[in-house]
């Protein structure tokens, strides 16, 4: 029920953010690529909003939720492949961090045409998976 209240605010935030950031980054100014970018931003904002709501629901007060969120985000950032290379990480992880997934989707959405995109997203997830074949 709470997510229904958050959706209009997230959509407004995403459209304001996307209309400023998309041309500033220098992506191709086509309407389809812009809406792919908006889609991935909506999914990312929803992911982080739901994570924050889960952290608040699982902890007794907001201070502990903030501390827990800080620790989880720090671990996600360290092991997302940007600070420590994904090939150097010593433990297997079949699920990429939300930061890494967002960057992969935004990069693919801004550089690759739509018919090829789904195939390349599947290949990107295969490339970042540590499961043996």
N, C-alpha and C. Protein backbone atom coordinates (compact mmCIF):
# COMPACT_ATOMS: atom_id res chain seq x y z
N UNK A 1 0.82 -1.19 0.00
CA UNK A 1 0.00 0.00 0.00
C UNK A 1 0.87 1.26 0.00
N UNK A 2 1.93 1.24 0.78
CA UNK A 2 2.82 2.40 0.85
C UNK A 2 3.48 2.69 -0.49
N UNK A 3 3.79 1.64 -1.26
CA UNK A 3 4.44 1.87 -2.55
C UNK A 3 3.52 2.62 -3.50
N UNK A 4 2.20 2.42 -3.35
CA UNK A 4 1.25 3.17 -4.18
C UNK A 4 1.32 4.66 -3.93
N UNK A 5 1.63 5.04 -2.70
CA UNK A 5 1.78 6.45 -2.36
C UNK A 5 3.09 6.99 -2.93
N UNK A 6 4.11 6.15 -3.00
CA UNK A 6 5.43 6.59 -3.45
C UNK A 6 5.53 6.72 -4.96
N UNK A 7 4.72 5.99 -5.72
CA UNK A 7 4.85 5.94 -7.18
C UNK A 7 4.74 7.31 -7.84
N UNK A 8 3.73 8.15 -7.54
CA UNK A 8 3.69 9.46 -8.21
C UNK A 8 4.92 10.32 -7.91
N UNK A 9 5.41 10.27 -6.68
CA UNK A 9 6.60 11.06 -6.34
C UNK A 9 7.82 10.54 -7.08
N UNK A 10 7.94 9.22 -7.19
CA UNK A 10 9.07 8.65 -7.93
C UNK A 10 9.01 9.02 -9.40
N UNK A 11 7.82 8.97 -9.99
CA UNK A 11 7.70 9.32 -11.41
C UNK A 11 8.08 10.77 -11.66
N UNK A 12 7.64 11.67 -10.80
CA UNK A 12 8.00 13.08 -10.94
C UNK A 12 9.50 13.26 -10.79
N UNK A 13 10.09 12.62 -9.78
CA UNK A 13 11.53 12.71 -9.57
C UNK A 13 12.30 12.17 -10.78
N UNK A 14 11.87 11.04 -11.30
CA UNK A 14 12.57 10.42 -12.42
C UNK A 14 12.50 11.29 -13.66
N UNK A 15 11.33 11.85 -13.96
CA UNK A 15 11.23 12.67 -15.16
C UNK A 15 12.03 13.97 -15.03
N UNK A 16 12.05 14.57 -13.87
CA UNK A 16 12.88 15.77 -13.67
C UNK A 16 14.36 15.39 -13.77
N UNK A 17 14.76 14.33 -13.07
CA UNK A 17 16.14 13.87 -13.10
C UNK A 17 16.57 13.50 -14.51
N UNK A 18 15.74 12.73 -15.22
CA UNK A 18 16.10 12.27 -16.56
C UNK A 18 16.18 13.41 -17.56
N UNK A 19 15.27 14.37 -17.46
CA UNK A 19 15.30 15.48 -18.41
C UNK A 19 16.52 16.36 -18.21
N UNK A 20 17.10 16.36 -17.03
CA UNK A 20 18.31 17.14 -16.78
C UNK A 20 19.56 16.32 -17.11
N UNK A 21 19.61 15.08 -16.62
CA UNK A 21 20.83 14.29 -16.71
C UNK A 21 21.06 13.70 -18.10
N UNK A 22 20.01 13.24 -18.76
CA UNK A 22 20.19 12.56 -20.05
C UNK A 22 20.93 13.43 -21.08
N UNK A 23 20.50 14.67 -21.32
CA UNK A 23 21.28 15.46 -22.29
C UNK A 23 22.64 15.89 -21.74
N UNK A 24 22.75 16.05 -20.42
CA UNK A 24 24.01 16.48 -19.83
C UNK A 24 25.10 15.41 -19.99
N UNK A 25 24.71 14.14 -19.92
CA UNK A 25 25.68 13.06 -20.05
C UNK A 25 26.16 12.94 -21.49
N UNK A 26 25.33 13.32 -22.43
CA UNK A 26 25.73 13.27 -23.83
C UNK A 26 25.24 12.05 -24.57
N UNK A 27 24.19 11.42 -24.06
CA UNK A 27 23.61 10.29 -24.77
C UNK A 27 22.91 10.80 -26.03
N UNK A 28 22.64 9.88 -26.96
CA UNK A 28 21.95 10.25 -28.19
C UNK A 28 20.57 10.78 -27.86
N UNK A 29 20.20 11.89 -28.47
CA UNK A 29 18.92 12.51 -28.16
C UNK A 29 17.81 11.96 -29.07
N UNK A 30 17.49 10.69 -28.87
CA UNK A 30 16.35 10.08 -29.55
C UNK A 30 15.31 9.75 -28.49
N UNK A 31 14.07 9.79 -28.88
CA UNK A 31 12.99 9.59 -27.93
C UNK A 31 12.97 8.16 -27.38
N UNK A 32 13.28 7.17 -28.22
CA UNK A 32 13.27 5.79 -27.73
C UNK A 32 14.37 5.55 -26.71
N UNK A 33 15.57 6.05 -26.97
CA UNK A 33 16.65 5.85 -26.00
C UNK A 33 16.41 6.64 -24.72
N UNK A 34 15.77 7.80 -24.86
CA UNK A 34 15.43 8.57 -23.66
C UNK A 34 14.44 7.79 -22.80
N UNK A 35 13.44 7.18 -23.43
CA UNK A 35 12.47 6.44 -22.64
C UNK A 35 13.03 5.13 -22.08
N UNK A 36 14.02 4.51 -22.74
CA UNK A 36 14.73 3.39 -22.13
C UNK A 36 15.44 3.87 -20.87
N UNK A 37 16.08 5.02 -20.97
CA UNK A 37 16.77 5.61 -19.81
C UNK A 37 15.77 5.87 -18.69
N UNK A 38 14.62 6.45 -19.02
CA UNK A 38 13.59 6.73 -18.02
C UNK A 38 13.11 5.42 -17.38
N UNK A 39 12.91 4.37 -18.18
CA UNK A 39 12.48 3.08 -17.64
C UNK A 39 13.50 2.55 -16.63
N UNK A 40 14.78 2.58 -16.97
CA UNK A 40 15.79 2.07 -16.05
C UNK A 40 15.90 2.94 -14.80
N UNK A 41 15.69 4.22 -14.95
CA UNK A 41 15.71 5.09 -13.78
C UNK A 41 14.50 4.81 -12.87
N UNK A 42 13.33 4.58 -13.48
CA UNK A 42 12.15 4.24 -12.67
C UNK A 42 12.40 2.94 -11.91
N UNK A 43 12.96 1.94 -12.59
CA UNK A 43 13.26 0.67 -11.93
C UNK A 43 14.29 0.84 -10.82
N UNK A 44 15.31 1.66 -11.06
CA UNK A 44 16.34 1.89 -10.04
C UNK A 44 15.76 2.64 -8.85
N UNK A 45 15.00 3.69 -9.10
CA UNK A 45 14.40 4.45 -8.00
C UNK A 45 13.45 3.56 -7.20
N UNK A 46 12.68 2.71 -7.91
CA UNK A 46 11.77 1.80 -7.21
C UNK A 46 12.55 0.80 -6.36
N UNK A 47 13.64 0.30 -6.91
CA UNK A 47 14.47 -0.66 -6.18
C UNK A 47 14.99 -0.05 -4.88
N UNK A 48 15.55 1.15 -4.96
CA UNK A 48 16.11 1.77 -3.76
C UNK A 48 15.02 2.22 -2.79
N UNK A 49 13.88 2.64 -3.30
CA UNK A 49 12.78 3.01 -2.41
C UNK A 49 12.25 1.79 -1.65
N UNK A 50 12.07 0.70 -2.36
CA UNK A 50 11.61 -0.53 -1.70
C UNK A 50 12.64 -1.05 -0.71
N UNK A 51 13.92 -0.92 -1.06
CA UNK A 51 14.96 -1.34 -0.12
C UNK A 51 14.90 -0.50 1.16
N UNK A 52 14.74 0.81 1.01
CA UNK A 52 14.65 1.68 2.18
C UNK A 52 13.42 1.36 3.02
N UNK A 53 12.30 1.09 2.38
CA UNK A 53 11.09 0.74 3.12
C UNK A 53 11.27 -0.59 3.85
N UNK A 54 11.98 -1.54 3.22
CA UNK A 54 12.24 -2.82 3.87
C UNK A 54 13.15 -2.64 5.09
N UNK A 55 14.19 -1.80 4.94
CA UNK A 55 15.10 -1.58 6.07
C UNK A 55 14.38 -0.94 7.24
N UNK A 56 13.48 -0.01 6.97
CA UNK A 56 12.72 0.63 8.05
C UNK A 56 11.76 -0.38 8.69
N UNK A 57 11.16 -1.24 7.87
CA UNK A 57 10.20 -2.21 8.41
C UNK A 57 10.88 -3.29 9.26
N UNK A 58 12.12 -3.62 8.94
CA UNK A 58 12.81 -4.70 9.65
C UNK A 58 13.52 -4.26 10.92
N UNK A 59 13.68 -2.97 11.11
CA UNK A 59 14.43 -2.48 12.27
C UNK A 59 13.50 -1.75 13.23
N UNK A 60 13.87 -1.66 14.50
CA UNK A 60 12.97 -1.05 15.48
C UNK A 60 12.85 0.47 15.37
N UNK A 61 13.87 1.15 14.86
CA UNK A 61 13.75 2.60 14.72
C UNK A 61 14.54 3.09 13.51
N UNK A 62 14.38 4.35 13.18
CA UNK A 62 14.95 4.90 11.95
C UNK A 62 16.47 5.00 12.02
N UNK A 63 17.04 5.18 13.20
CA UNK A 63 18.48 5.28 13.33
C UNK A 63 19.16 3.96 12.99
N UNK A 64 18.60 2.87 13.49
CA UNK A 64 19.17 1.55 13.17
C UNK A 64 18.97 1.25 11.68
N UNK A 65 17.84 1.64 11.11
CA UNK A 65 17.60 1.44 9.68
C UNK A 65 18.62 2.21 8.85
N UNK A 66 18.95 3.43 9.27
CA UNK A 66 19.94 4.22 8.53
C UNK A 66 21.31 3.56 8.62
N UNK A 67 21.67 3.06 9.80
CA UNK A 67 22.95 2.38 9.94
C UNK A 67 23.02 1.10 9.13
N UNK A 68 21.95 0.32 9.14
CA UNK A 68 21.90 -0.90 8.36
C UNK A 68 21.99 -0.59 6.86
N UNK A 69 21.26 0.41 6.43
CA UNK A 69 21.30 0.79 5.01
C UNK A 69 22.69 1.24 4.61
N UNK A 70 23.34 2.00 5.48
CA UNK A 70 24.70 2.45 5.18
C UNK A 70 25.64 1.26 4.99
N UNK A 71 25.56 0.29 5.89
CA UNK A 71 26.44 -0.87 5.79
C UNK A 71 26.15 -1.70 4.53
N UNK A 72 24.88 -1.91 4.24
CA UNK A 72 24.52 -2.69 3.05
C UNK A 72 24.96 -1.95 1.78
N UNK A 73 24.72 -0.65 1.71
CA UNK A 73 25.15 0.11 0.53
C UNK A 73 26.67 0.11 0.39
N UNK A 74 27.39 0.16 1.50
CA UNK A 74 28.84 0.12 1.44
C UNK A 74 29.31 -1.22 0.89
N UNK A 75 28.70 -2.31 1.36
CA UNK A 75 29.07 -3.64 0.85
C UNK A 75 28.71 -3.75 -0.63
N UNK A 76 27.53 -3.27 -1.02
CA UNK A 76 27.15 -3.29 -2.43
C UNK A 76 28.14 -2.51 -3.28
N UNK A 77 28.56 -1.35 -2.81
CA UNK A 77 29.49 -0.54 -3.59
C UNK A 77 30.86 -1.20 -3.71
N UNK A 78 31.34 -1.80 -2.64
CA UNK A 78 32.65 -2.43 -2.69
C UNK A 78 32.64 -3.60 -3.65
N UNK A 79 31.60 -4.41 -3.61
CA UNK A 79 31.56 -5.62 -4.42
C UNK A 79 30.72 -5.49 -5.69
N UNK A 80 30.46 -4.28 -6.15
CA UNK A 80 29.67 -4.10 -7.37
C UNK A 80 30.52 -4.18 -8.62
N UNK A 81 31.83 -4.15 -8.48
CA UNK A 81 32.70 -4.24 -9.64
C UNK A 81 33.36 -2.93 -10.01
N UNK A 82 33.10 -1.87 -9.27
CA UNK A 82 33.69 -0.58 -9.57
C UNK A 82 34.88 -0.28 -8.66
N UNK A 83 34.82 -0.67 -7.41
CA UNK A 83 35.94 -0.47 -6.48
C UNK A 83 36.86 -1.67 -6.53
N UNK A 84 36.31 -2.86 -6.39
CA UNK A 84 37.05 -4.11 -6.54
C UNK A 84 36.54 -4.75 -7.83
N UNK A 85 37.45 -5.08 -8.73
CA UNK A 85 37.04 -5.66 -10.01
C UNK A 85 36.26 -6.94 -9.79
N UNK A 86 35.24 -7.17 -10.60
CA UNK A 86 34.39 -8.34 -10.41
C UNK A 86 35.16 -9.64 -10.57
N UNK A 87 36.22 -9.66 -11.37
CA UNK A 87 36.99 -10.89 -11.54
C UNK A 87 37.90 -11.17 -10.35
N UNK A 88 38.13 -10.17 -9.51
CA UNK A 88 39.00 -10.34 -8.35
C UNK A 88 38.22 -10.77 -7.11
N UNK A 89 36.92 -10.54 -7.11
CA UNK A 89 36.10 -10.87 -5.95
C UNK A 89 36.17 -12.37 -5.72
N UNK A 90 36.49 -12.75 -4.50
CA UNK A 90 36.80 -14.14 -4.21
C UNK A 90 35.61 -15.01 -3.88
N UNK A 91 34.46 -14.47 -3.63
CA UNK A 91 33.32 -15.33 -3.33
C UNK A 91 32.29 -15.21 -4.45
N UNK A 92 31.59 -16.31 -4.75
CA UNK A 92 30.64 -16.28 -5.87
C UNK A 92 29.40 -15.47 -5.53
N UNK A 93 28.93 -14.75 -6.52
CA UNK A 93 27.71 -13.98 -6.37
C UNK A 93 26.90 -14.13 -7.64
N UNK A 94 25.76 -14.78 -7.55
CA UNK A 94 24.96 -14.98 -8.75
C UNK A 94 24.03 -13.80 -9.00
N UNK A 95 23.84 -12.93 -8.01
CA UNK A 95 22.98 -11.76 -8.18
C UNK A 95 23.85 -10.50 -8.11
N UNK A 96 23.88 -9.72 -9.19
CA UNK A 96 24.69 -8.50 -9.16
C UNK A 96 24.06 -7.45 -8.24
N UNK A 97 24.86 -6.52 -7.80
CA UNK A 97 24.33 -5.47 -6.95
C UNK A 97 23.43 -4.54 -7.77
N UNK A 98 22.50 -3.85 -7.14
CA UNK A 98 21.62 -2.95 -7.88
C UNK A 98 22.38 -1.83 -8.60
N UNK A 99 23.48 -1.36 -8.01
CA UNK A 99 24.26 -0.32 -8.67
C UNK A 99 24.81 -0.83 -9.99
N UNK A 100 25.37 -2.02 -9.98
CA UNK A 100 25.96 -2.57 -11.20
C UNK A 100 24.89 -2.83 -12.25
N UNK A 101 23.76 -3.40 -11.84
CA UNK A 101 22.69 -3.69 -12.79
C UNK A 101 22.16 -2.39 -13.40
N UNK A 102 22.03 -1.33 -12.61
CA UNK A 102 21.55 -0.05 -13.14
C UNK A 102 22.52 0.51 -14.17
N UNK A 103 23.80 0.45 -13.88
CA UNK A 103 24.79 1.00 -14.81
C UNK A 103 24.82 0.18 -16.10
N UNK A 104 24.73 -1.14 -15.99
CA UNK A 104 24.71 -1.98 -17.19
C UNK A 104 23.51 -1.65 -18.06
N UNK A 105 22.33 -1.53 -17.45
CA UNK A 105 21.12 -1.23 -18.22
C UNK A 105 21.18 0.15 -18.85
N UNK A 106 21.64 1.14 -18.11
CA UNK A 106 21.70 2.49 -18.66
C UNK A 106 22.69 2.55 -19.81
N UNK A 107 23.83 1.89 -19.64
CA UNK A 107 24.83 1.89 -20.72
C UNK A 107 24.28 1.20 -21.96
N UNK A 108 23.68 0.01 -21.78
CA UNK A 108 23.15 -0.70 -22.94
C UNK A 108 21.99 0.05 -23.57
N UNK A 109 21.15 0.67 -22.75
CA UNK A 109 20.01 1.40 -23.29
C UNK A 109 20.40 2.63 -24.06
N UNK A 110 21.54 3.22 -23.73
CA UNK A 110 21.94 4.44 -24.41
C UNK A 110 22.83 4.20 -25.61
N UNK A 111 23.40 2.99 -25.72
CA UNK A 111 24.33 2.75 -26.81
C UNK A 111 23.86 1.73 -27.84
N UNK A 112 22.85 0.95 -27.51
CA UNK A 112 22.43 -0.14 -28.39
C UNK A 112 20.98 0.06 -28.80
N UNK A 113 20.67 -0.28 -30.03
CA UNK A 113 19.31 -0.15 -30.51
C UNK A 113 18.40 -1.17 -29.84
N UNK A 114 17.10 -0.84 -29.78
CA UNK A 114 16.13 -1.63 -29.01
C UNK A 114 16.02 -3.09 -29.43
N UNK A 115 16.00 -3.45 -30.71
CA UNK A 115 15.84 -4.88 -31.04
C UNK A 115 16.99 -5.75 -30.52
N UNK A 116 18.17 -5.19 -30.41
CA UNK A 116 19.33 -5.95 -29.97
C UNK A 116 19.46 -5.91 -28.46
N UNK A 117 18.77 -4.99 -27.81
CA UNK A 117 18.99 -4.71 -26.39
C UNK A 117 18.72 -5.91 -25.49
N UNK A 118 17.61 -6.60 -25.68
CA UNK A 118 17.28 -7.72 -24.80
C UNK A 118 18.34 -8.81 -24.87
N UNK A 119 18.83 -9.09 -26.05
CA UNK A 119 19.87 -10.10 -26.20
C UNK A 119 21.14 -9.65 -25.49
N UNK A 120 21.51 -8.38 -25.60
CA UNK A 120 22.73 -7.90 -24.97
C UNK A 120 22.61 -7.82 -23.45
N UNK A 121 21.42 -7.52 -22.95
CA UNK A 121 21.22 -7.52 -21.49
C UNK A 121 21.40 -8.93 -20.96
N UNK A 122 20.88 -9.92 -21.67
CA UNK A 122 21.06 -11.31 -21.24
C UNK A 122 22.54 -11.68 -21.25
N UNK A 123 23.27 -11.25 -22.27
CA UNK A 123 24.71 -11.54 -22.33
C UNK A 123 25.45 -10.81 -21.21
N UNK A 124 25.03 -9.59 -20.88
CA UNK A 124 25.69 -8.85 -19.81
C UNK A 124 25.50 -9.55 -18.48
N UNK A 125 24.30 -10.05 -18.22
CA UNK A 125 24.07 -10.79 -16.97
C UNK A 125 24.84 -12.10 -16.96
N UNK A 126 24.98 -12.75 -18.12
CA UNK A 126 25.80 -13.96 -18.17
C UNK A 126 27.26 -13.64 -17.89
N UNK A 127 27.72 -12.49 -18.36
CA UNK A 127 29.12 -12.12 -18.17
C UNK A 127 29.41 -11.79 -16.72
N UNK A 128 28.43 -11.24 -15.98
CA UNK A 128 28.70 -10.85 -14.59
C UNK A 128 28.35 -11.96 -13.62
N UNK A 129 27.80 -13.06 -14.11
CA UNK A 129 27.45 -14.16 -13.22
C UNK A 129 28.68 -15.00 -12.96
N UNK A 130 28.81 -15.47 -11.72
CA UNK A 130 29.95 -16.29 -11.36
C UNK A 130 29.60 -17.78 -11.32
N UNK A 131 28.43 -18.12 -11.79
CA UNK A 131 28.04 -19.52 -11.73
C UNK A 131 28.76 -20.27 -12.84
N UNK A 132 29.11 -21.50 -12.57
CA UNK A 132 29.81 -22.29 -13.58
C UNK A 132 28.80 -22.86 -14.57
N UNK A 133 29.26 -23.11 -15.76
CA UNK A 133 28.36 -23.62 -16.81
C UNK A 133 28.65 -25.06 -17.09
